[in-house]
């Protein structure tokens, strides 16, 4: 039954992807890249498809999510998948620290952060995931802060003002909202299989339509997101808070 369900789900995704591609939209064509990968996700894995600096959409997969207060199933870590030499490959992992700093993205890359650092990752033309920019706040024994930036092969000391100016890129980025992929219950009924097919169709269509409208599927206001993040920090959700994380099963 498990294999049968997998085959049916994969077939359904292929049909859906073909119909999306028939619309002639480039985003729809690119969404077709990950159909088989999404169908093969485990029960506890969620995914999102995002547009970044890369020439094709990027697939992000996680198994731990939490409600960020904006209606998103946000995550602190995710696996990154990308099309490399005509094959979808896992090219790395990105991790934030603390529920006030979920994984985010914009047209320049994918972001991770904490109360004392921020990293922006890019995907190179070769398909490799690299740290394009990182800023870090460190304190000496007297409590004095030092700020540094890693960019390319260069590390340099920056001012506090420069640090927060760069951090603003993360504040302006879009929080990644993850959705469930295939459900692989071994004793699945026909009704459950059909339900999974409808669910997958809805999710992929939502990802495609979200990218058509600029990637803000949830209509998130950036200023509101920032206020909620600041409120969480004030309430003690700050740097290393993982207590609201949900391990999906």
C-alpha atoms as a PDB file:
ATOM      1  CA  UNK A   1       0.000   0.000   0.000  1.00  0.00           C
ATOM      2  CA  UNK A   2       2.853   2.363   0.843  1.00  0.00           C
ATOM      3  CA  UNK A   3       4.447   1.987  -2.610  1.00  0.00           C
ATOM      4  CA  UNK A   4       1.081   2.253  -4.328  1.00  0.00           C
ATOM      5  CA  UNK A   5       0.327   5.458  -2.531  1.00  0.00           C
ATOM      6  CA  UNK A   6       3.715   6.888  -3.446  1.00  0.00           C
ATOM      7  CA  UNK A   7       3.190   6.052  -7.114  1.00  0.00           C
ATOM      8  CA  UNK A   8      -0.273   7.624  -7.142  1.00  0.00           C
ATOM      9  CA  UNK A   9       0.985  10.774  -5.431  1.00  0.00           C
ATOM     10  CA  UNK A  10       3.906  11.117  -7.815  1.00  0.00           C
ATOM     11  CA  UNK A  11       1.596  10.620 -10.784  1.00  0.00           C
ATOM     12  CA  UNK A  12      -0.804  13.242  -9.412  1.00  0.00           C
ATOM     13  CA  UNK A  13       2.033  15.695  -8.987  1.00  0.00           C
ATOM     14  CA  UNK A  14       3.238  15.089 -12.533  1.00  0.00           C
ATOM     15  CA  UNK A  15      -0.257  15.796 -13.856  1.00  0.00           C
ATOM     16  CA  UNK A  16      -0.496  18.951 -11.745  1.00  0.00           C
ATOM     17  CA  UNK A  17       2.947  20.152 -12.775  1.00  0.00           C
ATOM     18  CA  UNK A  18       2.144  19.564 -16.452  1.00  0.00           C
ATOM     19  CA  UNK A  19      -1.005  21.660 -16.101  1.00  0.00           C
ATOM     20  CA  UNK A  20       0.918  24.451 -14.367  1.00  0.00           C
ATOM     21  CA  UNK A  21       3.601  24.457 -17.040  1.00  0.00           C
ATOM     22  CA  UNK A  22       0.950  24.578 -19.749  1.00  0.00           C
ATOM     23  CA  UNK A  23       0.069  28.048 -18.513  1.00  0.00           C
ATOM     24  CA  UNK A  24       3.362  29.257 -19.972  1.00  0.00           C
ATOM     25  CA  UNK A  25       4.544  31.011 -16.808  1.00  0.00           C
ATOM     26  CA  UNK A  26       8.263  30.656 -16.084  1.00  0.00           C
ATOM     27  CA  UNK A  27       7.629  30.360 -12.338  1.00  0.00           C
ATOM     28  CA  UNK A  28       5.274  27.472 -12.992  1.00  0.00           C
ATOM     29  CA  UNK A  29       7.879  25.774 -15.149  1.00  0.00           C
ATOM     30  CA  UNK A  30      10.453  26.115 -12.410  1.00  0.00           C
ATOM     31  CA  UNK A  31       8.051  24.787  -9.768  1.00  0.00           C
ATOM     32  CA  UNK A  32       7.944  21.538 -11.728  1.00  0.00           C
ATOM     33  CA  UNK A  33      11.550  20.856 -10.772  1.00  0.00           C
ATOM     34  CA  UNK A  34      10.698  19.693  -7.262  1.00  0.00           C
ATOM     35  CA  UNK A  35       7.516  17.672  -7.798  1.00  0.00           C
ATOM     36  CA  UNK A  36       9.131  14.275  -7.288  1.00  0.00           C
ATOM     37  CA  UNK A  37      11.189  15.486  -4.313  1.00  0.00           C
ATOM     38  CA  UNK A  38       8.126  16.916  -2.578  1.00  0.00           C
ATOM     39  CA  UNK A  39       6.179  13.724  -3.181  1.00  0.00           C
ATOM     40  CA  UNK A  40       8.980  11.799  -1.507  1.00  0.00           C
ATOM     41  CA  UNK A  41       9.030  13.807   1.729  1.00  0.00           C
ATOM     42  CA  UNK A  42       8.527  11.978   5.006  1.00  0.00           C
ATOM     43  CA  UNK A  43       5.449  12.434   7.205  1.00  0.00           C
ATOM     44  CA  UNK A  44       7.266  14.853   9.496  1.00  0.00           C
ATOM     45  CA  UNK A  45       8.775  17.024   6.759  1.00  0.00           C
ATOM     46  CA  UNK A  46       7.426  20.355   5.565  1.00  0.00           C
ATOM     47  CA  UNK A  47       8.577  22.399   2.588  1.00  0.00           C
ATOM     48  CA  UNK A  48       8.612  25.825   0.987  1.00  0.00           C
ATOM     49  CA  UNK A  49       9.650  26.984  -2.483  1.00  0.00           C
ATOM     50  CA  UNK A  50      11.267  30.423  -2.535  1.00  0.00           C
ATOM     51  CA  UNK A  51      12.806  32.797  -5.056  1.00  0.00           C
ATOM     52  CA  UNK A  52      16.260  34.058  -4.125  1.00  0.00           C
ATOM     53  CA  UNK A  53      19.354  35.159  -6.022  1.00  0.00           C
ATOM     54  CA  UNK A  54      19.416  31.798  -7.823  1.00  0.00           C
ATOM     55  CA  UNK A  55      18.234  31.430 -11.407  1.00  0.00           C
ATOM     56  CA  UNK A  56      15.659  28.795 -10.355  1.00  0.00           C
ATOM     57  CA  UNK A  57      13.415  28.529  -7.281  1.00  0.00           C
ATOM     58  CA  UNK A  58      14.922  26.934  -4.184  1.00  0.00           C
ATOM     59  CA  UNK A  59      13.302  24.134  -2.173  1.00  0.00           C
ATOM     60  CA  UNK A  60      13.581  24.347   1.627  1.00  0.00           C
ATOM     61  CA  UNK A  61      12.660  21.380   3.848  1.00  0.00           C
ATOM     62  CA  UNK A  62      12.320  21.217   7.633  1.00  0.00           C
ATOM     63  CA  UNK A  63      10.904  18.890  10.279  1.00  0.00           C
ATOM     64  CA  UNK A  64      10.472  21.452  13.076  1.00  0.00           C
ATOM     65  CA  UNK A  65       8.140  24.438  12.905  1.00  0.00           C
ATOM     66  CA  UNK A  66       6.440  26.941  15.191  1.00  0.00           C
ATOM     67  CA  UNK A  67       3.769  29.631  14.922  1.00  0.00           C
ATOM     68  CA  UNK A  68       5.555  32.953  14.527  1.00  0.00           C
ATOM     69  CA  UNK A  69       2.475  34.992  15.419  1.00  0.00           C
ATOM     70  CA  UNK A  70       1.911  36.041  11.799  1.00  0.00           C
ATOM     71  CA  UNK A  71       0.198  32.893  10.584  1.00  0.00           C
ATOM     72  CA  UNK A  72       3.429  31.306   9.363  1.00  0.00           C
ATOM     73  CA  UNK A  73       4.740  27.848  10.161  1.00  0.00           C
ATOM     74  CA  UNK A  74       8.235  29.208  10.651  1.00  0.00           C
ATOM     75  CA  UNK A  75      11.449  27.280  11.243  1.00  0.00           C
ATOM     76  CA  UNK A  76      14.881  27.790  12.749  1.00  0.00           C
ATOM     77  CA  UNK A  77      16.640  25.329  10.460  1.00  0.00           C
ATOM     78  CA  UNK A  78      16.114  23.815   7.047  1.00  0.00           C
ATOM     79  CA  UNK A  79      17.754  21.702   4.393  1.00  0.00           C
ATOM     80  CA  UNK A  80      18.331  23.440   1.071  1.00  0.00           C
ATOM     81  CA  UNK A  81      17.638  21.640  -2.218  1.00  0.00           C
ATOM     82  CA  UNK A  82      18.540  22.907  -5.666  1.00  0.00           C
ATOM     83  CA  UNK A  83      18.792  21.668  -9.245  1.00  0.00           C
ATOM     84  CA  UNK A  84      22.447  20.847  -9.961  1.00  0.00           C
ATOM     85  CA  UNK A  85      23.379  19.290 -13.307  1.00  0.00           C
ATOM     86  CA  UNK A  86      19.733  18.350 -13.962  1.00  0.00           C
ATOM     87  CA  UNK A  87      19.438  16.590 -10.583  1.00  0.00           C
ATOM     88  CA  UNK A  88      17.823  17.896  -7.402  1.00  0.00           C
ATOM     89  CA  UNK A  89      20.440  17.780  -4.641  1.00  0.00           C
ATOM     90  CA  UNK A  90      20.659  18.657  -0.965  1.00  0.00           C
ATOM     91  CA  UNK A  91      23.246  21.448  -1.023  1.00  0.00           C
ATOM     92  CA  UNK A  92      23.378  22.360   2.655  1.00  0.00           C
ATOM     93  CA  UNK A  93      21.710  23.370   5.911  1.00  0.00           C
ATOM     94  CA  UNK A  94      20.795  26.813   7.228  1.00  0.00           C
ATOM     95  CA  UNK A  95      20.129  27.435  10.921  1.00  0.00           C
ATOM     96  CA  UNK A  96      18.930  30.389  13.004  1.00  0.00           C
ATOM     97  CA  UNK A  97      19.034  30.694  16.786  1.00  0.00           C
ATOM     98  CA  UNK A  98      15.904  31.604  18.752  1.00  0.00           C
ATOM     99  CA  UNK A  99      12.257  31.814  17.730  1.00  0.00           C
ATOM    100  CA  UNK A 100      12.512  35.594  17.314  1.00  0.00           C
ATOM    101  CA  UNK A 101      14.679  34.900  14.252  1.00  0.00           C
ATOM    102  CA  UNK A 102      13.017  32.465  11.813  1.00  0.00           C
ATOM    103  CA  UNK A 103      14.563  31.538   8.473  1.00  0.00           C
ATOM    104  CA  UNK A 104      13.771  34.281   5.935  1.00  0.00           C
ATOM    105  CA  UNK A 105      14.541  35.136   2.321  1.00  0.00           C
ATOM    106  CA  UNK A 106      14.541  37.836  -0.317  1.00  0.00           C
ATOM    107  CA  UNK A 107      15.753  38.227  -3.882  1.00  0.00           C
ATOM    108  CA  UNK A 108      19.375  38.276  -2.713  1.00  0.00           C
ATOM    109  CA  UNK A 109      19.451  35.084  -0.645  1.00  0.00           C
ATOM    110  CA  UNK A 110      18.326  33.134   2.423  1.00  0.00           C
ATOM    111  CA  UNK A 111      18.800  34.521   5.926  1.00  0.00           C
ATOM    112  CA  UNK A 112      19.550  33.098   9.350  1.00  0.00           C
ATOM    113  CA  UNK A 113      20.051  35.189  12.473  1.00  0.00           C
ATOM    114  CA  UNK A 114      20.255  35.409  16.245  1.00  0.00           C
ATOM    115  CA  UNK A 115      20.480  38.214  18.774  1.00  0.00           C
ATOM    116  CA  UNK A 116      24.180  38.619  17.980  1.00  0.00           C
ATOM    117  CA  UNK A 117      24.667  37.747  14.323  1.00  0.00           C
ATOM    118  CA  UNK A 118      23.085  37.516  10.898  1.00  0.00           C
ATOM    119  CA  UNK A 119      24.069  35.490   7.838  1.00  0.00           C
ATOM    120  CA  UNK A 120      22.882  35.746   4.248  1.00  0.00           C
ATOM    121  CA  UNK A 121      23.422  32.712   2.032  1.00  0.00           C
ATOM    122  CA  UNK A 122      23.512  32.690  -1.750  1.00  0.00           C
ATOM    123  CA  UNK A 123      23.437  29.919  -4.314  1.00  0.00           C
ATOM    124  CA  UNK A 124      26.252  30.128  -6.820  1.00  0.00           C
ATOM    125  CA  UNK A 125      25.887  29.351 -10.515  1.00  0.00           C
ATOM    126  CA  UNK A 126      27.502  25.977  -9.808  1.00  0.00           C
ATOM    127  CA  UNK A 127      24.653  25.182  -7.403  1.00  0.00           C
ATOM    128  CA  UNK A 128      26.823  25.489  -4.280  1.00  0.00           C
ATOM    129  CA  UNK A 129      25.432  27.149  -1.155  1.00  0.00           C
ATOM    130  CA  UNK A 130      27.785  29.794   0.211  1.00  0.00           C
ATOM    131  CA  UNK A 131      27.849  32.402   2.960  1.00  0.00           C
ATOM    132  CA  UNK A 132      27.679  35.667   1.039  1.00  0.00           C
ATOM    133  CA  UNK A 133      27.581  37.989   4.021  1.00  0.00           C
ATOM    134  CA  UNK A 134      27.790  37.608   7.779  1.00  0.00           C
ATOM    135  CA  UNK A 135      27.837  40.110  10.633  1.00  0.00           C
ATOM    136  CA  UNK A 136      28.752  39.301  14.213  1.00  0.00           C
ATOM    137  CA  UNK A 137      28.553  41.009  17.600  1.00  0.00           C
ATOM    138  CA  UNK A 138      31.025  39.867  20.265  1.00  0.00           C
ATOM    139  CA  UNK A 139      31.735  41.105  23.792  1.00  0.00           C
ATOM    140  CA  UNK A 140      34.974  41.169  25.742  1.00  0.00           C
ATOM    141  CA  UNK A 141      35.294  40.508  29.488  1.00  0.00           C
ATOM    142  CA  UNK A 142      34.437  44.129  30.223  1.00  0.00           C
ATOM    143  CA  UNK A 143      31.234  43.989  28.189  1.00  0.00           C
ATOM    144  CA  UNK A 144      32.523  46.065  25.308  1.00  0.00           C
ATOM    145  CA  UNK A 145      31.068  45.085  21.941  1.00  0.00           C
ATOM    146  CA  UNK A 146      33.039  44.480  18.764  1.00  0.00           C
ATOM    147  CA  UNK A 147      31.341  44.176  15.388  1.00  0.00           C
ATOM    148  CA  UNK A 148      32.768  42.322  12.408  1.00  0.00           C
ATOM    149  CA  UNK A 149      31.638  41.476   8.895  1.00  0.00           C
ATOM    150  CA  UNK A 150      32.534  38.474   6.741  1.00  0.00           C
ATOM    151  CA  UNK A 151      32.009  39.111   3.055  1.00  0.00           C
ATOM    152  CA  UNK A 152      33.621  36.909   0.468  1.00  0.00           C
ATOM    153  CA  UNK A 153      37.105  36.086   1.694  1.00  0.00           C
ATOM    154  CA  UNK A 154      37.386  39.292   3.699  1.00  0.00           C
ATOM    155  CA  UNK A 155      36.725  39.874   7.411  1.00  0.00           C
ATOM    156  CA  UNK A 156      36.706  43.439   8.669  1.00  0.00           C
ATOM    157  CA  UNK A 157      35.745  45.407  11.766  1.00  0.00           C
ATOM    158  CA  UNK A 158      32.634  47.553  11.333  1.00  0.00           C
ATOM    159  CA  UNK A 159      30.839  50.103  13.478  1.00  0.00           C
ATOM    160  CA  UNK A 160      27.708  49.433  15.514  1.00  0.00           C
ATOM    161  CA  UNK A 161      25.750  51.596  13.076  1.00  0.00           C
ATOM    162  CA  UNK A 162      27.026  49.553  10.124  1.00  0.00           C
ATOM    163  CA  UNK A 163      26.141  46.328  11.936  1.00  0.00           C
ATOM    164  CA  UNK A 164      22.506  47.334  12.459  1.00  0.00           C
ATOM    165  CA  UNK A 165      22.239  48.750   8.954  1.00  0.00           C
ATOM    166  CA  UNK A 166      23.179  45.355   7.525  1.00  0.00           C
ATOM    167  CA  UNK A 167      20.923  43.547  10.026  1.00  0.00           C
ATOM    168  CA  UNK A 168      18.039  45.558   8.591  1.00  0.00           C
ATOM    169  CA  UNK A 169      18.224  43.361   5.486  1.00  0.00           C
ATOM    170  CA  UNK A 170      17.041  40.451   7.623  1.00  0.00           C
ATOM    171  CA  UNK A 171      14.275  42.559   9.172  1.00  0.00           C
ATOM    172  CA  UNK A 172      13.029  43.426   5.680  1.00  0.00           C
ATOM    173  CA  UNK A 173      13.170  39.841   4.387  1.00  0.00           C
ATOM    174  CA  UNK A 174      10.139  37.551   4.067  1.00  0.00           C
ATOM    175  CA  UNK A 175       9.672  34.856   6.709  1.00  0.00           C
ATOM    176  CA  UNK A 176       9.595  31.379   5.156  1.00  0.00           C
ATOM    177  CA  UNK A 177       6.258  29.651   5.822  1.00  0.00           C
ATOM    178  CA  UNK A 178       6.474  25.866   5.507  1.00  0.00           C
ATOM    179  CA  UNK A 179       3.701  23.514   4.357  1.00  0.00           C
ATOM    180  CA  UNK A 180       3.281  19.758   4.588  1.00  0.00           C
ATOM    181  CA  UNK A 181       4.227  17.546   1.681  1.00  0.00           C
ATOM    182  CA  UNK A 182       3.217  13.934   1.086  1.00  0.00           C
ATOM    183  CA  UNK A 183       1.768  11.833   3.894  1.00  0.00           C
ATOM    184  CA  UNK A 184       3.104   8.286   3.824  1.00  0.00           C
ATOM    185  CA  UNK A 185       0.796   6.362   6.100  1.00  0.00           C
ATOM    186  CA  UNK A 186       1.327   2.694   5.389  1.00  0.00           C
ATOM    187  CA  UNK A 187      -2.347   1.719   5.707  1.00  0.00           C
ATOM    188  CA  UNK A 188      -3.719   4.589   3.663  1.00  0.00           C
ATOM    189  CA  UNK A 189      -7.193   4.267   2.208  1.00  0.00           C
ATOM    190  CA  UNK A 190      -8.200   5.461  -1.247  1.00  0.00           C
ATOM    191  CA  UNK A 191      -9.902   8.468   0.358  1.00  0.00           C
ATOM    192  CA  UNK A 192      -6.695   9.357   2.189  1.00  0.00           C
ATOM    193  CA  UNK A 193      -4.690   9.098  -1.012  1.00  0.00           C
ATOM    194  CA  UNK A 194      -7.135  11.370  -2.805  1.00  0.00           C
ATOM    195  CA  UNK A 195      -6.983  13.773   0.120  1.00  0.00           C
ATOM    196  CA  UNK A 196      -3.189  13.883  -0.107  1.00  0.00           C
ATOM    197  CA  UNK A 197      -3.402  14.557  -3.832  1.00  0.00           C
ATOM    198  CA  UNK A 198      -5.740  17.501  -3.296  1.00  0.00           C
ATOM    199  CA  UNK A 199      -3.544  18.791  -0.476  1.00  0.00           C
ATOM    200  CA  UNK A 200      -0.370  18.635  -2.564  1.00  0.00           C
ATOM    201  CA  UNK A 201      -2.105  20.323  -5.474  1.00  0.00           C
ATOM    202  CA  UNK A 202      -3.218  23.165  -3.219  1.00  0.00           C
ATOM    203  CA  UNK A 203       0.230  23.632  -1.674  1.00  0.00           C
ATOM    204  CA  UNK A 204       2.156  23.709  -4.950  1.00  0.00           C
ATOM    205  CA  UNK A 205      -0.380  26.033  -6.549  1.00  0.00           C
ATOM    206  CA  UNK A 206      -0.071  28.290  -3.487  1.00  0.00           C
ATOM    207  CA  UNK A 207       3.712  28.364  -3.825  1.00  0.00           C
ATOM    208  CA  UNK A 208       3.459  29.237  -7.517  1.00  0.00           C
ATOM    209  CA  UNK A 209       0.818  31.930  -7.040  1.00  0.00           C
ATOM    210  CA  UNK A 210       2.807  33.326  -4.129  1.00  0.00           C
ATOM    211  CA  UNK A 211       5.861  33.840  -6.308  1.00  0.00           C
ATOM    212  CA  UNK A 212       3.746  35.462  -9.008  1.00  0.00           C
ATOM    213  CA  UNK A 213       2.621  38.063  -6.483  1.00  0.00           C
ATOM    214  CA  UNK A 214       6.141  38.779  -5.295  1.00  0.00           C
ATOM    215  CA  UNK A 215       6.663  36.054  -2.750  1.00  0.00           C
ATOM    216  CA  UNK A 216       4.534  37.485   0.073  1.00  0.00           C
ATOM    217  CA  UNK A 217       1.903  34.758   0.159  1.00  0.00           C
ATOM    218  CA  UNK A 218       0.719  35.594   3.648  1.00  0.00           C
ATOM    219  CA  UNK A 219       0.469  39.336   3.019  1.00  0.00           C
ATOM    220  CA  UNK A 220       2.923  39.935   5.864  1.00  0.00           C
ATOM    221  CA  UNK A 221       3.563  43.553   6.734  1.00  0.00           C
ATOM    222  CA  UNK A 222       7.275  43.942   7.412  1.00  0.00           C
ATOM    223  CA  UNK A 223       6.780  46.611  10.090  1.00  0.00           C
ATOM    224  CA  UNK A 224       4.276  44.353  11.864  1.00  0.00           C
ATOM    225  CA  UNK A 225       6.711  41.442  11.661  1.00  0.00           C
ATOM    226  CA  UNK A 226       9.405  43.583  13.211  1.00  0.00           C
ATOM    227  CA  UNK A 227       7.119  44.726  16.033  1.00  0.00           C
ATOM    228  CA  UNK A 228       6.136  41.150  16.837  1.00  0.00           C
ATOM    229  CA  UNK A 229       9.798  40.092  16.798  1.00  0.00           C
ATOM    230  CA  UNK A 230      10.659  42.935  19.187  1.00  0.00           C
ATOM    231  CA  UNK A 231       7.740  41.986  21.424  1.00  0.00           C
ATOM    232  CA  UNK A 232       8.928  38.378  21.526  1.00  0.00           C
ATOM    233  CA  UNK A 233      12.393  39.526  22.516  1.00  0.00           C
ATOM    234  CA  UNK A 234      10.955  41.720  25.258  1.00  0.00           C
ATOM    235  CA  UNK A 235       8.939  38.761  26.534  1.00  0.00           C
ATOM    236  CA  UNK A 236      12.025  36.581  26.752  1.00  0.00           C
ATOM    237  CA  UNK A 237      11.812  34.739  23.416  1.00  0.00           C
ATOM    238  CA  UNK A 238      15.066  36.274  22.397  1.00  0.00           C
ATOM    239  CA  UNK A 239      18.289  34.750  21.324  1.00  0.00           C
ATOM    240  CA  UNK A 240      18.190  31.044  22.088  1.00  0.00           C
ATOM    241  CA  UNK A 241      14.518  30.353  22.737  1.00  0.00           C
ATOM    242  CA  UNK A 242      13.454  27.013  21.246  1.00  0.00           C
ATOM    243  CA  UNK A 243      10.618  26.215  23.640  1.00  0.00           C
ATOM    244  CA  UNK A 244       7.826  26.733  21.107  1.00  0.00           C
ATOM    245  CA  UNK A 245       9.346  24.499  18.484  1.00  0.00           C
ATOM    246  CA  UNK A 246       7.121  21.672  17.285  1.00  0.00           C
ATOM    247  CA  UNK A 247       8.645  18.389  16.148  1.00  0.00           C
ATOM    248  CA  UNK A 248       6.275  17.201  13.435  1.00  0.00           C
ATOM    249  CA  UNK A 249       5.374  13.538  13.379  1.00  0.00           C
END
